[in-house]
All heavy atoms as atom14 arrays in JSON, in Angstrom:
{
  "sequence": "IHTLSALDEARGGVGHTVQIHKIKGTGMAESALAENLKRAVGKDINM",
  "atom14_mask": [
    [1, 1, 1, 1, 1, 1, 1, 1, 0, 0, 0, 0, 0, 0],
    [1, 1, 1, 1, 1, 1, 1, 1, 1, 1, 0, 0, 0, 0],
    [1, 1, 1, 1, 1, 1, 1, 0, 0, 0, 0, 0, 0, 0],
    [1, 1, 1, 1, 1, 1, 1, 1, 0, 0, 0, 0, 0, 0],
    [1, 1, 1, 1, 1, 1, 0, 0, 0, 0, 0, 0, 0, 0],
    [1, 1, 1, 1, 1, 0, 0, 0, 0, 0, 0, 0, 0, 0],
    [1, 1, 1, 1, 1, 1, 1, 1, 0, 0, 0, 0, 0, 0],
    [1, 1, 1, 1, 1, 1, 1, 1, 0, 0, 0, 0, 0, 0],
    [1, 1, 1, 1, 1, 1, 1, 1, 1, 0, 0, 0, 0, 0],
    [1, 1, 1, 1, 1, 0, 0, 0, 0, 0, 0, 0, 0, 0],
    [1, 1, 1, 1, 1, 1, 1, 1, 1, 1, 1, 0, 0, 0],
    [1, 1, 1, 1, 0, 0, 0, 0, 0, 0, 0, 0, 0, 0],
    [1, 1, 1, 1, 0, 0, 0, 0, 0, 0, 0, 0, 0, 0],
    [1, 1, 1, 1, 1, 1, 1, 0, 0, 0, 0, 0, 0, 0],
    [1, 1, 1, 1, 0, 0, 0, 0, 0, 0, 0, 0, 0, 0],
    [1, 1, 1, 1, 1, 1, 1, 1, 1, 1, 0, 0, 0, 0],
    [1, 1, 1, 1, 1, 1, 1, 0, 0, 0, 0, 0, 0, 0],
    [1, 1, 1, 1, 1, 1, 1, 0, 0, 0, 0, 0, 0, 0],
    [1, 1, 1, 1, 1, 1, 1, 1, 1, 0, 0, 0, 0, 0],
    [1, 1, 1, 1, 1, 1, 1, 1, 0, 0, 0, 0, 0, 0],
    [1, 1, 1, 1, 1, 1, 1, 1, 1, 1, 0, 0, 0, 0],
    [1, 1, 1, 1, 1, 1, 1, 1, 1, 0, 0, 0, 0, 0],
    [1, 1, 1, 1, 1, 1, 1, 1, 0, 0, 0, 0, 0, 0],
    [1, 1, 1, 1, 1, 1, 1, 1, 1, 0, 0, 0, 0, 0],
    [1, 1, 1, 1, 0, 0, 0, 0, 0, 0, 0, 0, 0, 0],
    [1, 1, 1, 1, 1, 1, 1, 0, 0, 0, 0, 0, 0, 0],
    [1, 1, 1, 1, 0, 0, 0, 0, 0, 0, 0, 0, 0, 0],
    [1, 1, 1, 1, 1, 1, 1, 1, 0, 0, 0, 0, 0, 0],
    [1, 1, 1, 1, 1, 0, 0, 0, 0, 0, 0, 0, 0, 0],
    [1, 1, 1, 1, 1, 1, 1, 1, 1, 0, 0, 0, 0, 0],
    [1, 1, 1, 1, 1, 1, 0, 0, 0, 0, 0, 0, 0, 0],
    [1, 1, 1, 1, 1, 0, 0, 0, 0, 0, 0, 0, 0, 0],
    [1, 1, 1, 1, 1, 1, 1, 1, 0, 0, 0, 0, 0, 0],
    [1, 1, 1, 1, 1, 0, 0, 0, 0, 0, 0, 0, 0, 0],
    [1, 1, 1, 1, 1, 1, 1, 1, 1, 0, 0, 0, 0, 0],
    [1, 1, 1, 1, 1, 1, 1, 1, 0, 0, 0, 0, 0, 0],
    [1, 1, 1, 1, 1, 1, 1, 1, 0, 0, 0, 0, 0, 0],
    [1, 1, 1, 1, 1, 1, 1, 1, 1, 0, 0, 0, 0, 0],
    [1, 1, 1, 1, 1, 1, 1, 1, 1, 1, 1, 0, 0, 0],
    [1, 1, 1, 1, 1, 0, 0, 0, 0, 0, 0, 0, 0, 0],
    [1, 1, 1, 1, 1, 1, 1, 0, 0, 0, 0, 0, 0, 0],
    [1, 1, 1, 1, 0, 0, 0, 0, 0, 0, 0, 0, 0, 0],
    [1, 1, 1, 1, 1, 1, 1, 1, 1, 0, 0, 0, 0, 0],
    [1, 1, 1, 1, 1, 1, 1, 1, 0, 0, 0, 0, 0, 0],
    [1, 1, 1, 1, 1, 1, 1, 1, 0, 0, 0, 0, 0, 0],
    [1, 1, 1, 1, 1, 1, 1, 1, 0, 0, 0, 0, 0, 0],
    [1, 1, 1, 1, 1, 1, 1, 1, 0, 0, 0, 0, 0, 0]
  ],
  "atom14_positions": [
    [[2.03, 4.37, -3.22], [1.72, 3.95, -1.81], [2.87, 2.82, -1.62], [3.05, 2.03, -2.47], [0.3, 3.44, -1.6], [0.0, 2.25, -2.52], [-0.68, 4.57, -1.68], [-1.33, 1.61, -2.14], [0.0, 0.0, 0.0], [0.0, 0.0, 0.0], [0.0, 0.0, 0.0], [0.0, 0.0, 0.0], [0.0, 0.0, 0.0], [0.0, 0.0, 0.0]],
    [[3.41, 2.92, -0.49], [4.48, 2.02, -0.06], [3.87, 1.08, 1.04], [3.38, 1.56, 2.06], [5.64, 2.76, 0.55], [6.32, 3.64, -0.57], [7.56, 3.48, -0.91], [5.77, 4.74, -1.23], [7.91, 4.35, -1.86], [6.79, 5.19, -2.03], [0.0, 0.0, 0.0], [0.0, 0.0, 0.0], [0.0, 0.0, 0.0], [0.0, 0.0, 0.0]],
    [[3.91, -0.28, 0.8], [3.1, -1.1, 1.72], [4.14, -2.29, 2.22], [5.14, -2.55, 1.52], [1.96, -1.78, 0.99], [2.42, -2.47, -0.11], [0.93, -0.73, 0.56], [0.0, 0.0, 0.0], [0.0, 0.0, 0.0], [0.0, 0.0, 0.0], [0.0, 0.0, 0.0], [0.0, 0.0, 0.0], [0.0, 0.0, 0.0], [0.0, 0.0, 0.0]],
    [[3.72, -2.79, 3.31], [4.35, -3.96, 3.93], [3.48, -5.11, 3.86], [2.44, -5.0, 4.51], [4.82, -3.59, 5.31], [5.6, -4.71, 6.21], [6.92, -4.83, 5.58], [5.68, -4.34, 7.59], [0.0, 0.0, 0.0], [0.0, 0.0, 0.0], [0.0, 0.0, 0.0], [0.0, 0.0, 0.0], [0.0, 0.0, 0.0], [0.0, 0.0, 0.0]],
    [[3.93, -6.23, 3.21], [2.93, -7.39, 3.16], [3.78, -8.62, 3.61], [4.96, -8.78, 3.37], [2.62, -7.6, 1.72], [1.95, -6.5, 1.14], [0.0, 0.0, 0.0], [0.0, 0.0, 0.0], [0.0, 0.0, 0.0], [0.0, 0.0, 0.0], [0.0, 0.0, 0.0], [0.0, 0.0, 0.0], [0.0, 0.0, 0.0], [0.0, 0.0, 0.0]],
    [[3.01, -9.53, 4.23], [3.62, -10.82, 4.65], [3.88, -11.69, 3.51], [3.04, -11.66, 2.54], [2.73, -11.5, 5.64], [0.0, 0.0, 0.0], [0.0, 0.0, 0.0], [0.0, 0.0, 0.0], [0.0, 0.0, 0.0], [0.0, 0.0, 0.0], [0.0, 0.0, 0.0], [0.0, 0.0, 0.0], [0.0, 0.0, 0.0], [0.0, 0.0, 0.0]],
    [[4.93, -12.39, 3.49], [5.21, -13.41, 2.35], [4.35, -14.56, 2.62], [3.85, -14.96, 3.69], [6.78, -13.78, 2.44], [7.75, -12.58, 2.06], [9.12, -13.14, 2.29], [7.51, -12.23, 0.64], [0.0, 0.0, 0.0], [0.0, 0.0, 0.0], [0.0, 0.0, 0.0], [0.0, 0.0, 0.0], [0.0, 0.0, 0.0], [0.0, 0.0, 0.0]],
    [[3.98, -15.26, 1.51], [3.13, -16.47, 1.51], [3.75, -17.59, 2.14], [4.58, -18.26, 1.53], [2.68, -16.68, 0.11], [1.61, -17.7, 0.1], [1.16, -18.38, 1.14], [1.05, -17.94, -1.05], [0.0, 0.0, 0.0], [0.0, 0.0, 0.0], [0.0, 0.0, 0.0], [0.0, 0.0, 0.0], [0.0, 0.0, 0.0], [0.0, 0.0, 0.0]],
    [[3.44, -17.94, 3.44], [4.07, -19.02, 4.09], [3.66, -20.38, 3.47], [4.54, -21.3, 3.49], [3.66, -18.91, 5.55], [4.22, -17.88, 6.35], [3.77, -17.8, 7.76], [3.24, -18.8, 8.23], [4.0, -16.78, 8.44], [0.0, 0.0, 0.0], [0.0, 0.0, 0.0], [0.0, 0.0, 0.0], [0.0, 0.0, 0.0], [0.0, 0.0, 0.0]],
    [[2.53, -20.48, 2.85], [2.16, -21.74, 2.09], [3.16, -22.02, 1.01], [3.27, -23.22, 0.55], [0.75, -21.63, 1.58], [0.0, 0.0, 0.0], [0.0, 0.0, 0.0], [0.0, 0.0, 0.0], [0.0, 0.0, 0.0], [0.0, 0.0, 0.0], [0.0, 0.0, 0.0], [0.0, 0.0, 0.0], [0.0, 0.0, 0.0], [0.0, 0.0, 0.0]],
    [[3.84, -21.07, 0.44], [4.87, -21.19, -0.63], [6.28, -21.18, -0.09], [7.14, -20.94, -0.81], [4.67, -20.24, -1.65], [3.31, -20.39, -2.4], [3.19, -19.36, -3.46], [1.86, -19.7, -4.24], [1.63, -19.08, -5.41], [2.43, -18.3, -5.99], [0.46, -19.43, -5.93], [0.0, 0.0, 0.0], [0.0, 0.0, 0.0], [0.0, 0.0, 0.0]],
    [[6.48, -21.24, 1.25], [7.83, -21.24, 1.78], [8.38, -19.97, 2.18], [9.5, -19.77, 2.64], [0.0, 0.0, 0.0], [0.0, 0.0, 0.0], [0.0, 0.0, 0.0], [0.0, 0.0, 0.0], [0.0, 0.0, 0.0], [0.0, 0.0, 0.0], [0.0, 0.0, 0.0], [0.0, 0.0, 0.0], [0.0, 0.0, 0.0], [0.0, 0.0, 0.0]],
    [[7.49, -18.9, 2.03], [7.91, -17.6, 2.39], [8.02, -17.33, 3.95], [7.23, -17.85, 4.67], [0.0, 0.0, 0.0], [0.0, 0.0, 0.0], [0.0, 0.0, 0.0], [0.0, 0.0, 0.0], [0.0, 0.0, 0.0], [0.0, 0.0, 0.0], [0.0, 0.0, 0.0], [0.0, 0.0, 0.0], [0.0, 0.0, 0.0], [0.0, 0.0, 0.0]],
    [[9.02, -16.6, 4.42], [9.19, -16.18, 5.8], [9.47, -14.7, 5.79], [10.34, -14.35, 5.17], [10.31, -17.07, 6.41], [10.53, -16.57, 7.86], [10.05, -18.59, 6.41], [0.0, 0.0, 0.0], [0.0, 0.0, 0.0], [0.0, 0.0, 0.0], [0.0, 0.0, 0.0], [0.0, 0.0, 0.0], [0.0, 0.0, 0.0], [0.0, 0.0, 0.0]],
    [[8.68, -14.0, 6.62], [8.97, -12.57, 6.76], [8.03, -11.74, 5.93], [6.87, -12.07, 5.63], [0.0, 0.0, 0.0], [0.0, 0.0, 0.0], [0.0, 0.0, 0.0], [0.0, 0.0, 0.0], [0.0, 0.0, 0.0], [0.0, 0.0, 0.0], [0.0, 0.0, 0.0], [0.0, 0.0, 0.0], [0.0, 0.0, 0.0], [0.0, 0.0, 0.0]],
    [[8.51, -10.58, 5.64], [7.7, -9.61, 4.91], [8.46, -8.98, 3.72], [9.64, -9.11, 3.56], [7.37, -8.39, 5.8], [6.5, -8.84, 6.93], [6.96, -9.47, 8.15], [5.17, -8.76, 7.18], [5.92, -9.75, 8.87], [4.86, -9.28, 8.43], [0.0, 0.0, 0.0], [0.0, 0.0, 0.0], [0.0, 0.0, 0.0], [0.0, 0.0, 0.0]],
    [[7.73, -8.31, 2.82], [8.27, -7.59, 1.73], [7.61, -6.17, 1.59], [6.46, -6.04, 2.08], [7.96, -8.36, 0.41], [8.71, -7.68, -0.68], [6.45, -8.46, 0.06], [0.0, 0.0, 0.0], [0.0, 0.0, 0.0], [0.0, 0.0, 0.0], [0.0, 0.0, 0.0], [0.0, 0.0, 0.0], [0.0, 0.0, 0.0], [0.0, 0.0, 0.0]],
    [[8.42, -5.24, 1.16], [7.96, -3.92, 0.91], [7.67, -3.76, -0.61], [8.5, -4.16, -1.43], [8.95, -2.85, 1.41], [8.55, -1.41, 1.04], [9.24, -3.05, 2.89], [0.0, 0.0, 0.0], [0.0, 0.0, 0.0], [0.0, 0.0, 0.0], [0.0, 0.0, 0.0], [0.0, 0.0, 0.0], [0.0, 0.0, 0.0], [0.0, 0.0, 0.0]],
    [[6.5, -3.2, -0.93], [6.08, -2.97, -2.33], [5.77, -1.61, -2.58], [5.18, -0.92, -1.68], [5.04, -3.89, -2.77], [5.45, -5.35, -2.59], [4.21, -6.33, -2.94], [3.25, -6.22, -2.24], [4.44, -7.23, -3.93], [0.0, 0.0, 0.0], [0.0, 0.0, 0.0], [0.0, 0.0, 0.0], [0.0, 0.0, 0.0], [0.0, 0.0, 0.0]],
    [[5.91, -1.11, -3.79], [5.43, 0.26, -4.18], [4.34, 0.05, -5.18], [4.6, -0.62, -6.2], [6.5, 1.07, -4.7], [7.61, 1.32, -3.62], [6.0, 2.48, -5.19], [8.82, 2.01, -4.11], [0.0, 0.0, 0.0], [0.0, 0.0, 0.0], [0.0, 0.0, 0.0], [0.0, 0.0, 0.0], [0.0, 0.0, 0.0], [0.0, 0.0, 0.0]],
    [[3.15, 0.51, -5.02], [2.06, 0.56, -5.97], [1.73, 1.96, -6.4], [1.77, 2.93, -5.65], [0.85, -0.08, -5.37], [1.1, -1.48, -4.83], [1.31, -2.62, -5.48], [1.28, -1.88, -3.59], [1.54, -3.72, -4.72], [1.44, -3.19, -3.52], [0.0, 0.0, 0.0], [0.0, 0.0, 0.0], [0.0, 0.0, 0.0], [0.0, 0.0, 0.0]],
    [[1.44, 2.04, -7.72], [1.1, 3.4, -8.19], [-0.48, 3.43, -8.64], [-0.94, 2.52, -9.19], [1.82, 3.67, -9.48], [3.4, 3.73, -9.09], [4.17, 4.03, -10.38], [5.61, 4.16, -9.88], [6.51, 4.38, -11.03], [0.0, 0.0, 0.0], [0.0, 0.0, 0.0], [0.0, 0.0, 0.0], [0.0, 0.0, 0.0], [0.0, 0.0, 0.0]],
    [[-1.07, 4.52, -8.16], [-2.46, 4.87, -8.51], [-2.4, 6.03, -9.4], [-2.06, 7.09, -9.07], [-3.29, 5.19, -7.27], [-3.18, 4.03, -6.22], [-4.83, 5.28, -7.67], [-3.74, 4.5, -4.88], [0.0, 0.0, 0.0], [0.0, 0.0, 0.0], [0.0, 0.0, 0.0], [0.0, 0.0, 0.0], [0.0, 0.0, 0.0], [0.0, 0.0, 0.0]],
    [[-2.8, 5.8, -10.74], [-2.64, 6.86, -11.7], [-4.03, 7.41, -12.01], [-5.09, 6.72, -11.95], [-2.02, 6.22, -12.92], [-0.61, 5.75, -12.71], [0.03, 5.11, -13.93], [1.37, 4.58, -13.65], [2.11, 4.15, -14.84], [0.0, 0.0, 0.0], [0.0, 0.0, 0.0], [0.0, 0.0, 0.0], [0.0, 0.0, 0.0], [0.0, 0.0, 0.0]],
    [[-4.02, 8.65, -12.47], [-5.18, 9.33, -12.92], [-5.12, 10.85, -12.85], [-4.3, 11.39, -12.08], [0.0, 0.0, 0.0], [0.0, 0.0, 0.0], [0.0, 0.0, 0.0], [0.0, 0.0, 0.0], [0.0, 0.0, 0.0], [0.0, 0.0, 0.0], [0.0, 0.0, 0.0], [0.0, 0.0, 0.0], [0.0, 0.0, 0.0], [0.0, 0.0, 0.0]],
    [[-5.9, 11.52, -13.62], [-5.82, 12.92, -13.67], [-6.25, 13.49, -12.28], [-7.35, 13.11, -11.76], [-6.76, 13.48, -14.76], [-6.4, 12.94, -16.01], [-6.74, 14.96, -14.84], [0.0, 0.0, 0.0], [0.0, 0.0, 0.0], [0.0, 0.0, 0.0], [0.0, 0.0, 0.0], [0.0, 0.0, 0.0], [0.0, 0.0, 0.0], [0.0, 0.0, 0.0]],
    [[-5.55, 14.41, -11.74], [-5.9, 15.05, -10.43], [-5.52, 14.19, -9.25], [-5.89, 14.48, -8.15], [0.0, 0.0, 0.0], [0.0, 0.0, 0.0], [0.0, 0.0, 0.0], [0.0, 0.0, 0.0], [0.0, 0.0, 0.0], [0.0, 0.0, 0.0], [0.0, 0.0, 0.0], [0.0, 0.0, 0.0], [0.0, 0.0, 0.0], [0.0, 0.0, 0.0]],
    [[-4.9, 13.0, -9.46], [-4.78, 12.04, -8.38], [-3.81, 12.62, -7.34], [-4.11, 12.35, -6.12], [-4.18, 10.8, -9.02], [-4.29, 9.55, -8.04], [-5.81, 9.23, -7.45], [-6.75, 8.62, -8.92], [0.0, 0.0, 0.0], [0.0, 0.0, 0.0], [0.0, 0.0, 0.0], [0.0, 0.0, 0.0], [0.0, 0.0, 0.0], [0.0, 0.0, 0.0]],
    [[-2.72, 13.31, -7.64], [-1.78, 13.66, -6.74], [-2.42, 14.71, -5.62], [-1.94, 14.79, -4.52], [-0.55, 14.43, -7.3], [0.0, 0.0, 0.0], [0.0, 0.0, 0.0], [0.0, 0.0, 0.0], [0.0, 0.0, 0.0], [0.0, 0.0, 0.0], [0.0, 0.0, 0.0], [0.0, 0.0, 0.0], [0.0, 0.0, 0.0], [0.0, 0.0, 0.0]],
    [[-3.39, 15.44, -6.06], [-4.12, 16.37, -5.17], [-5.52, 15.89, -4.66], [-6.34, 16.72, -4.24], [-4.1, 17.79, -5.81], [-2.8, 18.44, -5.84], [-2.46, 18.88, -7.34], [-3.34, 18.74, -8.16], [-1.33, 19.24, -7.57], [0.0, 0.0, 0.0], [0.0, 0.0, 0.0], [0.0, 0.0, 0.0], [0.0, 0.0, 0.0], [0.0, 0.0, 0.0]],
    [[-5.77, 14.7, -4.89], [-7.15, 14.17, -4.69], [-7.37, 13.97, -3.13], [-6.51, 13.87, -2.38], [-7.31, 12.86, -5.38], [-6.51, 11.86, -4.88], [0.0, 0.0, 0.0], [0.0, 0.0, 0.0], [0.0, 0.0, 0.0], [0.0, 0.0, 0.0], [0.0, 0.0, 0.0], [0.0, 0.0, 0.0], [0.0, 0.0, 0.0], [0.0, 0.0, 0.0]],
    [[-8.78, 13.74, -2.96], [-9.13, 13.36, -1.51], [-8.57, 12.04, -1.1], [-8.23, 11.88, 0.03], [-10.64, 13.28, -1.44], [0.0, 0.0, 0.0], [0.0, 0.0, 0.0], [0.0, 0.0, 0.0], [0.0, 0.0, 0.0], [0.0, 0.0, 0.0], [0.0, 0.0, 0.0], [0.0, 0.0, 0.0], [0.0, 0.0, 0.0], [0.0, 0.0, 0.0]],
    [[-8.43, 11.15, -2.15], [-7.78, 9.85, -1.86], [-6.44, 9.97, -1.33], [-6.09, 9.34, -0.35], [-7.82, 8.91, -3.05], [-7.05, 7.58, -3.0], [-7.81, 6.7, -1.89], [-7.16, 6.88, -4.27], [0.0, 0.0, 0.0], [0.0, 0.0, 0.0], [0.0, 0.0, 0.0], [0.0, 0.0, 0.0], [0.0, 0.0, 0.0], [0.0, 0.0, 0.0]],
    [[-5.63, 10.93, -1.93], [-4.28, 11.11, -1.47], [-4.25, 11.56, -0.01], [-3.45, 11.15, 0.74], [-3.59, 12.06, -2.39], [0.0, 0.0, 0.0], [0.0, 0.0, 0.0], [0.0, 0.0, 0.0], [0.0, 0.0, 0.0], [0.0, 0.0, 0.0], [0.0, 0.0, 0.0], [0.0, 0.0, 0.0], [0.0, 0.0, 0.0], [0.0, 0.0, 0.0]],
    [[-5.16, 12.45, 0.34], [-5.23, 13.03, 1.75], [-5.6, 11.85, 2.69], [-5.13, 11.82, 3.72], [-6.12, 14.18, 1.71], [-5.67, 15.45, 1.01], [-4.23, 15.8, 1.44], [-4.04, 15.92, 2.66], [-3.36, 15.99, 0.55], [0.0, 0.0, 0.0], [0.0, 0.0, 0.0], [0.0, 0.0, 0.0], [0.0, 0.0, 0.0], [0.0, 0.0, 0.0]],
    [[-6.56, 11.07, 2.29], [-7.09, 10.05, 3.14], [-6.0, 9.04, 3.25], [-5.81, 8.41, 4.39], [-8.31, 9.33, 2.47], [-9.58, 10.2, 2.63], [-9.65, 11.14, 3.43], [-10.53, 10.03, 1.82], [0.0, 0.0, 0.0], [0.0, 0.0, 0.0], [0.0, 0.0, 0.0], [0.0, 0.0, 0.0], [0.0, 0.0, 0.0], [0.0, 0.0, 0.0]],
    [[-5.25, 8.67, 2.34], [-4.17, 7.7, 2.46], [-3.03, 8.31, 3.3], [-2.5, 7.55, 4.18], [-3.56, 7.33, 1.06], [-4.41, 6.42, 0.28], [-3.97, 6.41, -1.15], [-4.49, 5.1, 0.84], [0.0, 0.0, 0.0], [0.0, 0.0, 0.0], [0.0, 0.0, 0.0], [0.0, 0.0, 0.0], [0.0, 0.0, 0.0], [0.0, 0.0, 0.0]],
    [[-2.8, 9.64, 3.32], [-1.73, 10.16, 4.12], [-2.22, 10.0, 5.58], [-1.35, 9.66, 6.5], [-1.59, 11.64, 3.9], [-0.83, 11.94, 2.54], [-0.78, 13.39, 2.32], [-0.17, 13.75, 0.91], [-0.2, 15.16, 0.65], [0.0, 0.0, 0.0], [0.0, 0.0, 0.0], [0.0, 0.0, 0.0], [0.0, 0.0, 0.0], [0.0, 0.0, 0.0]],
    [[-3.49, 10.14, 5.82], [-3.91, 9.97, 7.32], [-3.95, 8.46, 7.69], [-3.97, 8.25, 8.84], [-5.32, 10.56, 7.49], [-5.28, 12.06, 7.48], [-6.62, 12.62, 7.78], [-7.6, 12.45, 6.86], [-7.92, 13.24, 5.81], [-7.29, 14.31, 5.6], [-8.96, 12.91, 4.88], [0.0, 0.0, 0.0], [0.0, 0.0, 0.0], [0.0, 0.0, 0.0]],
    [[-3.92, 7.6, 6.73], [-3.95, 6.07, 7.07], [-2.65, 5.53, 7.19], [-2.49, 4.35, 7.4], [-4.72, 5.44, 6.03], [0.0, 0.0, 0.0], [0.0, 0.0, 0.0], [0.0, 0.0, 0.0], [0.0, 0.0, 0.0], [0.0, 0.0, 0.0], [0.0, 0.0, 0.0], [0.0, 0.0, 0.0], [0.0, 0.0, 0.0], [0.0, 0.0, 0.0]],
    [[-1.47, 6.26, 7.0], [-0.21, 5.72, 7.18], [-0.05, 4.95, 8.52], [-0.44, 5.55, 9.55], [0.89, 6.73, 7.04], [2.32, 6.26, 7.36], [0.91, 7.27, 5.52], [0.0, 0.0, 0.0], [0.0, 0.0, 0.0], [0.0, 0.0, 0.0], [0.0, 0.0, 0.0], [0.0, 0.0, 0.0], [0.0, 0.0, 0.0], [0.0, 0.0, 0.0]],
    [[0.48, 3.78, 8.53], [0.63, 2.97, 9.69], [-0.53, 2.02, 9.96], [-0.54, 1.24, 10.81], [0.0, 0.0, 0.0], [0.0, 0.0, 0.0], [0.0, 0.0, 0.0], [0.0, 0.0, 0.0], [0.0, 0.0, 0.0], [0.0, 0.0, 0.0], [0.0, 0.0, 0.0], [0.0, 0.0, 0.0], [0.0, 0.0, 0.0], [0.0, 0.0, 0.0]],
    [[-1.7, 2.1, 9.11], [-2.83, 1.26, 9.26], [-2.79, 0.22, 8.09], [-2.15, 0.32, 7.12], [-4.07, 2.15, 9.27], [-4.21, 3.12, 10.29], [-5.42, 3.99, 10.21], [-5.49, 5.01, 11.32], [-6.65, 5.94, 11.11], [0.0, 0.0, 0.0], [0.0, 0.0, 0.0], [0.0, 0.0, 0.0], [0.0, 0.0, 0.0], [0.0, 0.0, 0.0]],
    [[-3.71, -0.79, 8.36], [-3.85, -1.8, 7.32], [-4.81, -1.2, 6.27], [-5.81, -0.52, 6.62], [-4.52, -3.13, 7.94], [-3.42, -3.82, 8.82], [-2.18, -3.77, 8.46], [-3.82, -4.44, 9.8], [0.0, 0.0, 0.0], [0.0, 0.0, 0.0], [0.0, 0.0, 0.0], [0.0, 0.0, 0.0], [0.0, 0.0, 0.0], [0.0, 0.0, 0.0]],
    [[-4.58, -1.66, 5.05], [-5.42, -1.25, 3.89], [-5.85, -2.54, 3.08], [-5.07, -3.45, 3.18], [-4.76, -0.15, 3.05], [-3.47, -0.65, 2.41], [-4.62, 1.16, 3.72], [-2.94, 0.22, 1.28], [0.0, 0.0, 0.0], [0.0, 0.0, 0.0], [0.0, 0.0, 0.0], [0.0, 0.0, 0.0], [0.0, 0.0, 0.0], [0.0, 0.0, 0.0]],
    [[-6.85, -2.41, 2.3], [-7.14, -3.51, 1.43], [-7.08, -2.94, -0.01], [-7.45, -1.91, -0.32], [-8.69, -4.0, 1.65], [-8.84, -4.54, 3.02], [-7.95, -5.26, 3.57], [-9.91, -4.16, 3.59], [0.0, 0.0, 0.0], [0.0, 0.0, 0.0], [0.0, 0.0, 0.0], [0.0, 0.0, 0.0], [0.0, 0.0, 0.0], [0.0, 0.0, 0.0]],
    [[-6.46, -3.83, -0.85], [-6.21, -3.38, -2.19], [-6.89, -4.46, -3.18], [-6.89, -5.58, -2.9], [-4.78, -3.37, -2.54], [-3.99, -2.24, -1.73], [-2.22, -2.29, -1.87], [-1.81, -3.92, -1.09], [0.0, 0.0, 0.0], [0.0, 0.0, 0.0], [0.0, 0.0, 0.0], [0.0, 0.0, 0.0], [0.0, 0.0, 0.0], [0.0, 0.0, 0.0]]
  ]
}
């Protein structure tokens, strides 16, 4: 999953960063989670 997060302004950050996170597991690539995430592109998520 490719995400856009705000930098921590309390630590002097300004702007945003792009991060890639991996969710691993058997059957994950064809899972219902993968389909739900595809439909959620452009929305906010909690991790």
